[in-house]
Amino acid sequence: MLLGEEVSEFPQNGGLTGGRAFEELVASLNSRGMHALQAGSHDEALQFLTMAKTACATGAPTPGCDAGAGNSRPRLEAVTLNNLGCFYKR
């Protein structure tokens, strides 16, 4: 499965607020990246983890963000960077 197809399957804000949708997206990208890494698909893992890192760098969308979205971004970025560390360790 191609990376673009995988990401396009993510629901387009299926009733989630902007901040919650952002959290779900980054968590999903991290999860898929780590699953790909465990399966030995290093190129695919790096693509997912890089996308998660980019999403963290650009931040949550402002329209409709819930109050907790600002607090979750550093945590999500830390998880993403930790996962990238695991990737580069292998």
Protein backbone atom coordinates (compact mmCIF):
# COMPACT_ATOMS: atom_id res chain seq x y z
CA MET A 1 0.00 0.00 0.00
CA LEU A 2 1.32 3.42 -0.91
CA LEU A 3 1.88 6.04 1.75
CA GLY A 4 -0.53 8.52 0.16
CA GLU A 5 -3.30 5.94 0.15
CA GLU A 6 -2.65 5.11 3.79
CA VAL A 7 -2.86 8.74 4.93
CA SER A 8 -5.87 9.52 2.73
CA GLU A 9 -7.78 6.80 4.61
CA PHE A 10 -7.61 8.92 7.77
CA PRO A 11 -11.10 10.31 8.43
CA GLN A 12 -11.54 13.93 7.47
CA ASN A 13 -12.40 15.33 10.90
CA GLY A 14 -15.10 12.73 11.53
CA GLY A 15 -16.89 14.87 14.09
CA LEU A 16 -13.70 15.62 16.01
CA THR A 17 -12.68 19.13 16.99
CA GLY A 18 -9.58 20.51 15.26
CA GLY A 19 -7.29 19.76 18.19
CA ARG A 20 -8.62 16.25 18.67
CA ALA A 21 -8.35 15.51 14.94
CA PHE A 22 -4.74 16.75 15.05
CA GLU A 23 -3.96 14.46 17.99
CA GLU A 24 -5.53 11.48 16.23
CA LEU A 25 -3.62 12.20 13.02
CA VAL A 26 -0.22 12.45 14.72
CA ALA A 27 -0.93 9.39 16.89
CA SER A 28 -2.00 7.42 13.82
CA LEU A 29 1.11 8.42 11.86
CA ASN A 30 3.33 7.45 14.79
CA SER A 31 1.55 4.13 15.23
CA ARG A 32 1.76 3.27 11.56
CA GLY A 33 5.40 4.26 11.49
CA MET A 34 6.27 2.00 14.40
CA HIS A 35 4.27 -0.91 12.95
CA ALA A 36 6.14 -0.49 9.67
CA LEU A 37 9.44 -0.42 11.54
CA GLN A 38 8.59 -3.64 13.39
CA ALA A 39 7.66 -5.24 10.07
CA GLY A 40 11.02 -4.26 8.61
CA SER A 41 9.62 -1.65 6.20
CA HIS A 42 12.19 1.00 7.04
CA ASP A 43 11.43 3.37 4.16
CA GLU A 44 7.71 3.36 4.94
CA ALA A 45 8.39 3.81 8.66
CA LEU A 46 10.56 6.85 7.99
CA GLN A 47 7.88 8.37 5.76
CA PHE A 48 5.19 8.03 8.43
CA LEU A 49 7.41 9.34 11.22
CA THR A 50 8.59 12.26 9.09
CA MET A 51 4.98 13.16 8.35
CA ALA A 52 4.21 13.06 12.08
CA LYS A 53 7.18 15.31 12.79
CA THR A 54 6.07 17.76 10.10
CA ALA A 55 2.53 17.80 11.48
CA CYS A 56 3.92 18.59 14.95
CA ALA A 57 6.06 21.38 13.55
CA THR A 58 3.14 23.04 11.79
CA GLY A 59 0.83 22.60 14.80
CA ALA A 60 -2.87 21.99 15.22
CA PRO A 61 -5.29 23.88 13.00
CA THR A 62 -6.71 26.90 14.79
CA PRO A 63 -10.40 26.78 13.73
CA GLY A 64 -12.37 24.66 16.19
CA CYS A 65 -9.40 23.68 18.34
CA ASP A 66 -10.32 22.63 21.83
CA ALA A 67 -8.54 24.12 24.81
CA GLY A 68 -6.37 21.06 25.41
CA ALA A 69 -4.85 21.02 21.93
CA GLY A 70 -2.07 23.42 22.86
CA ASN A 71 -1.01 21.19 25.74
CA SER A 72 -0.86 18.01 23.67
CA ARG A 73 1.42 19.30 20.92
CA PRO A 74 4.70 19.12 22.94
CA ARG A 75 3.76 15.63 24.17
CA LEU A 76 3.01 14.45 20.63
CA GLU A 77 6.24 15.97 19.37
CA ALA A 78 8.19 14.20 22.14
CA VAL A 79 6.60 10.85 21.22
CA THR A 80 7.41 11.44 17.54
CA LEU A 81 11.03 12.33 18.24
CA ASN A 82 11.38 9.29 20.50
CA ASN A 83 10.01 7.08 17.72
CA LEU A 84 12.45 8.63 15.26
CA GLY A 85 15.23 7.82 17.75
CA CYS A 86 14.09 4.19 17.77
CA PHE A 87 14.10 4.23 13.96
CA TYR A 88 17.65 5.55 13.72
CA LYS A 89 18.84 3.15 16.41
CA ARG A 90 17.87 0.23 14.15
